[in-house]
N, C-alpha and C. Protein backbone atom coordinates (compact mmCIF):
# COMPACT_ATOMS: atom_id res chain seq x y z
N MET A 1 0.91 -1.16 0.08
CA MET A 1 0.02 -0.04 -0.15
C MET A 1 0.77 1.25 0.08
N LEU A 2 0.69 2.23 -1.05
CA LEU A 2 1.54 3.48 -0.82
C LEU A 2 0.94 4.37 0.00
N ALA A 3 1.77 5.32 0.53
CA ALA A 3 1.28 6.18 1.37
C ALA A 3 0.59 7.27 0.79
N SER A 4 -0.47 7.79 1.47
CA SER A 4 -1.40 8.83 0.91
C SER A 4 -1.76 9.67 1.94
N ASN A 5 -2.16 11.00 1.69
CA ASN A 5 -2.45 11.92 2.73
C ASN A 5 -3.91 12.38 2.55
N THR A 6 -4.63 12.84 3.61
CA THR A 6 -5.77 13.43 3.61
C THR A 6 -5.53 14.72 4.44
N HIS A 7 -6.23 15.69 4.28
CA HIS A 7 -5.99 17.04 4.98
C HIS A 7 -7.38 17.66 5.11
N THR A 8 -7.28 18.61 6.18
CA THR A 8 -8.40 19.45 6.53
C THR A 8 -7.60 20.85 6.82
N PRO A 9 -8.24 21.97 7.19
CA PRO A 9 -7.59 23.07 7.60
C PRO A 9 -7.01 22.85 8.99
N GLU A 10 -7.32 21.89 9.90
CA GLU A 10 -6.82 21.53 11.16
C GLU A 10 -5.67 20.56 11.15
N ILE A 11 -5.71 19.51 10.41
CA ILE A 11 -4.80 18.58 10.39
C ILE A 11 -4.56 17.87 9.21
N ILE A 12 -3.32 17.20 9.06
CA ILE A 12 -2.97 16.29 7.79
C ILE A 12 -2.87 15.04 8.29
N ILE A 13 -3.32 13.93 7.69
CA ILE A 13 -3.14 12.65 8.21
C ILE A 13 -2.47 12.02 7.04
N LYS A 14 -1.20 11.51 7.28
CA LYS A 14 -0.40 10.66 6.45
C LYS A 14 -0.57 9.14 6.71
N HIS A 15 -1.10 8.38 5.70
CA HIS A 15 -1.29 7.03 5.80
C HIS A 15 0.04 6.14 5.45
N SER A 16 0.69 5.59 6.64
CA SER A 16 2.11 5.27 6.22
C SER A 16 2.12 3.53 6.00
N GLY A 17 1.03 2.94 6.72
CA GLY A 17 1.20 1.61 6.70
C GLY A 17 2.00 0.91 7.81
N LEU A 18 2.68 1.71 8.51
CA LEU A 18 3.56 1.11 9.65
C LEU A 18 2.49 1.02 10.94
N LEU A 19 2.85 0.27 11.89
CA LEU A 19 2.05 0.04 13.10
C LEU A 19 2.37 1.10 14.20
N LYS A 20 2.92 2.06 13.86
CA LYS A 20 3.31 3.24 14.90
C LYS A 20 2.78 4.45 14.52
N ALA A 21 2.04 5.12 15.48
CA ALA A 21 1.28 6.32 15.22
C ALA A 21 2.24 7.44 15.70
N SER A 22 2.09 8.55 14.90
CA SER A 22 2.99 9.75 15.43
C SER A 22 2.09 10.93 15.19
N ILE A 23 2.62 12.04 16.10
CA ILE A 23 1.76 13.25 16.31
C ILE A 23 2.82 14.30 16.16
N VAL A 24 2.50 15.27 15.31
CA VAL A 24 3.47 16.28 15.11
C VAL A 24 2.63 17.73 15.32
N VAL A 25 3.08 18.46 16.30
CA VAL A 25 2.57 19.74 16.74
C VAL A 25 3.67 20.67 16.68
N SER A 26 3.79 21.71 15.72
CA SER A 26 4.96 22.64 15.81
C SER A 26 4.76 23.70 16.59
N LYS A 27 5.80 24.53 16.87
CA LYS A 27 5.63 25.75 17.67
C LYS A 27 4.89 26.90 16.90
N ASN A 28 4.69 26.74 15.52
CA ASN A 28 4.01 27.59 14.79
C ASN A 28 2.33 27.45 14.99
N VAL A 29 2.10 26.26 15.45
CA VAL A 29 0.79 25.99 15.76
C VAL A 29 0.32 26.53 17.14
N ALA A 30 1.34 26.14 18.18
CA ALA A 30 0.93 26.50 19.43
C ALA A 30 2.22 26.90 20.05
N LYS A 31 2.43 28.16 20.57
CA LYS A 31 3.64 28.80 21.10
C LYS A 31 3.94 28.09 22.48
N LYS A 32 2.89 27.85 23.37
CA LYS A 32 3.10 27.10 24.57
C LYS A 32 3.22 25.62 24.55
N ALA A 33 4.23 25.05 25.34
CA ALA A 33 4.19 23.66 25.23
C ALA A 33 3.23 23.04 25.99
N VAL A 34 2.49 23.66 26.86
CA VAL A 34 1.29 23.25 27.55
C VAL A 34 0.14 23.00 26.54
N ASP A 35 0.02 23.82 25.59
CA ASP A 35 -0.97 23.66 24.53
C ASP A 35 -0.70 22.61 23.54
N ARG A 36 0.56 22.53 23.10
CA ARG A 36 1.10 21.49 22.13
C ARG A 36 0.86 20.03 22.78
N ASN A 37 1.05 20.04 24.22
CA ASN A 37 0.84 18.61 24.89
C ASN A 37 -0.50 18.39 25.08
N ARG A 38 -1.32 19.37 25.27
CA ARG A 38 -2.74 19.10 25.42
C ARG A 38 -3.26 18.55 23.97
N ILE A 39 -2.68 19.33 22.90
CA ILE A 39 -3.25 18.64 21.48
C ILE A 39 -2.76 17.29 21.37
N LYS A 40 -1.73 17.10 21.67
CA LYS A 40 -1.16 15.49 21.53
C LYS A 40 -2.01 14.58 22.37
N ARG A 41 -2.23 15.03 23.69
CA ARG A 41 -3.04 14.18 24.51
C ARG A 41 -4.47 13.83 23.95
N ILE A 42 -5.13 15.05 23.48
CA ILE A 42 -6.42 14.89 22.87
C ILE A 42 -6.47 13.89 21.73
N ILE A 43 -5.35 13.84 20.79
CA ILE A 43 -5.15 13.01 19.64
C ILE A 43 -4.94 11.62 19.99
N LYS A 44 -4.22 11.44 21.08
CA LYS A 44 -3.88 10.15 21.50
C LYS A 44 -5.08 9.43 22.10
N GLU A 45 -5.91 10.14 23.01
CA GLU A 45 -7.06 9.55 23.55
C GLU A 45 -7.99 9.28 22.35
N ALA A 46 -8.00 10.17 21.32
CA ALA A 46 -9.08 9.92 20.33
C ALA A 46 -8.62 8.57 19.48
N GLN A 47 -7.27 8.32 19.35
CA GLN A 47 -6.85 7.24 18.61
C GLN A 47 -6.99 5.99 19.50
N ARG A 48 -6.75 6.10 20.60
CA ARG A 48 -7.14 4.92 21.71
C ARG A 48 -8.45 4.53 21.69
N VAL A 49 -9.57 5.45 21.47
CA VAL A 49 -10.91 5.08 21.50
C VAL A 49 -11.24 4.48 20.11
N ILE A 50 -10.61 5.07 19.09
CA ILE A 50 -10.79 4.45 17.76
C ILE A 50 -10.32 3.07 17.56
N GLY A 51 -9.26 2.69 18.07
CA GLY A 51 -8.83 1.49 18.06
C GLY A 51 -7.54 1.18 17.19
N PRO A 52 -6.99 -0.03 16.80
CA PRO A 52 -5.91 -0.36 16.26
C PRO A 52 -5.81 0.39 14.72
N LYS A 53 -6.95 0.48 14.16
CA LYS A 53 -6.90 1.14 12.60
C LYS A 53 -6.36 2.51 12.72
N ALA A 54 -6.24 3.21 13.80
CA ALA A 54 -5.64 4.57 13.97
C ALA A 54 -4.27 4.41 14.14
N ALA A 55 -3.62 3.34 14.39
CA ALA A 55 -2.19 3.19 14.72
C ALA A 55 -1.21 3.25 13.64
N SER A 56 -1.61 3.41 12.47
CA SER A 56 -0.81 3.33 11.29
C SER A 56 -0.83 4.58 10.45
N TYR A 57 -1.11 5.77 11.21
CA TYR A 57 -1.17 6.96 10.67
C TYR A 57 -0.26 7.99 11.47
N SER A 58 0.28 9.05 10.65
CA SER A 58 1.00 10.21 11.19
C SER A 58 -0.04 11.37 11.23
N VAL A 59 -0.41 11.95 12.32
CA VAL A 59 -1.01 13.12 12.32
C VAL A 59 -0.23 14.47 12.55
N ILE A 60 -0.38 15.36 11.44
CA ILE A 60 0.27 16.59 11.48
C ILE A 60 -0.79 17.72 11.77
N VAL A 61 -0.65 18.42 12.86
CA VAL A 61 -1.66 19.41 13.18
C VAL A 61 -1.25 20.79 12.58
N LYS A 62 -2.11 21.41 11.90
CA LYS A 62 -1.93 22.51 11.14
C LYS A 62 -2.31 23.77 11.84
N LYS A 63 -3.38 23.58 12.80
CA LYS A 63 -4.11 24.65 13.41
C LYS A 63 -4.38 24.27 14.85
N ASN A 64 -4.27 25.27 15.67
CA ASN A 64 -4.31 24.95 17.30
C ASN A 64 -5.86 24.44 17.45
N ILE A 65 -5.83 23.14 17.80
CA ILE A 65 -7.08 22.67 18.12
C ILE A 65 -7.22 22.29 19.59
N ALA A 66 -6.52 22.97 20.48
CA ALA A 66 -6.46 22.76 21.91
C ALA A 66 -7.69 23.00 22.38
N ASP A 67 -8.65 23.87 21.86
CA ASP A 67 -9.93 24.19 22.60
C ASP A 67 -10.96 23.19 22.03
N LEU A 68 -10.69 22.24 21.20
CA LEU A 68 -11.65 21.16 20.87
C LEU A 68 -11.73 20.16 21.82
N LYS A 69 -12.89 19.42 21.87
CA LYS A 69 -12.93 18.39 22.87
C LYS A 69 -12.66 17.16 22.16
N THR A 70 -12.39 16.15 22.99
CA THR A 70 -11.85 14.73 22.31
C THR A 70 -12.75 14.21 21.34
N ASP A 71 -14.11 14.23 21.62
CA ASP A 71 -15.11 13.71 20.83
C ASP A 71 -15.15 14.51 19.47
N GLN A 72 -14.82 15.77 19.49
CA GLN A 72 -14.72 16.49 18.21
C GLN A 72 -13.56 16.04 17.30
N VAL A 73 -12.35 15.81 18.02
CA VAL A 73 -11.19 15.29 17.32
C VAL A 73 -11.28 14.01 17.01
N LYS A 74 -12.09 13.16 17.72
CA LYS A 74 -12.30 11.69 17.32
C LYS A 74 -13.13 11.62 16.11
N GLU A 75 -14.20 12.40 16.03
CA GLU A 75 -15.01 12.43 14.88
C GLU A 75 -14.13 12.91 13.52
N LEU A 76 -13.23 13.89 13.85
CA LEU A 76 -12.43 14.33 12.63
C LEU A 76 -11.56 13.23 12.15
N LEU A 77 -10.92 12.44 13.12
CA LEU A 77 -10.08 11.41 12.70
C LEU A 77 -10.82 10.18 12.02
N ILE A 78 -11.96 9.93 12.52
CA ILE A 78 -12.86 8.75 12.00
C ILE A 78 -13.30 9.09 10.64
N LYS A 79 -13.53 10.48 10.52
CA LYS A 79 -13.94 10.89 9.03
C LYS A 79 -12.90 10.62 7.97
N HIS A 80 -11.70 10.87 8.45
CA HIS A 80 -10.54 10.63 7.46
C HIS A 80 -10.12 9.28 7.27
N LEU A 81 -10.27 8.34 8.49
CA LEU A 81 -9.91 7.14 8.43
C LEU A 81 -10.88 6.34 7.65
N ASN A 82 -12.17 6.81 7.54
CA ASN A 82 -13.06 6.13 6.58
C ASN A 82 -12.98 6.25 5.23
N LYS A 83 -12.38 7.33 4.96
CA LYS A 83 -12.18 7.67 3.43
C LYS A 83 -11.12 6.73 2.69
N HIS A 84 -10.17 6.11 3.65
CA HIS A 84 -9.12 5.35 3.09
C HIS A 84 -9.37 3.97 3.68
N ALA A 85 -10.45 3.68 4.24
CA ALA A 85 -10.69 2.25 4.72
C ALA A 85 -11.02 1.26 3.59
């Protein structure tokens, strides 16, 4: 399976085929480490709830989503995972 990408204004999801998930949040997205870590925790929890099919993707955050709830991020991830299922 070749790597492919899906994206929204908030995130880019790279489908790698590997079993390791990665999350990238740069300082351009959120200046404070507290906000970057919160974004990572929200995405990790959403991936945990979704299950193993979310484990083979890299998530690159393009916009500060620290104010979103876990359920909102989960819906965003599920929407993109279903596009490539």
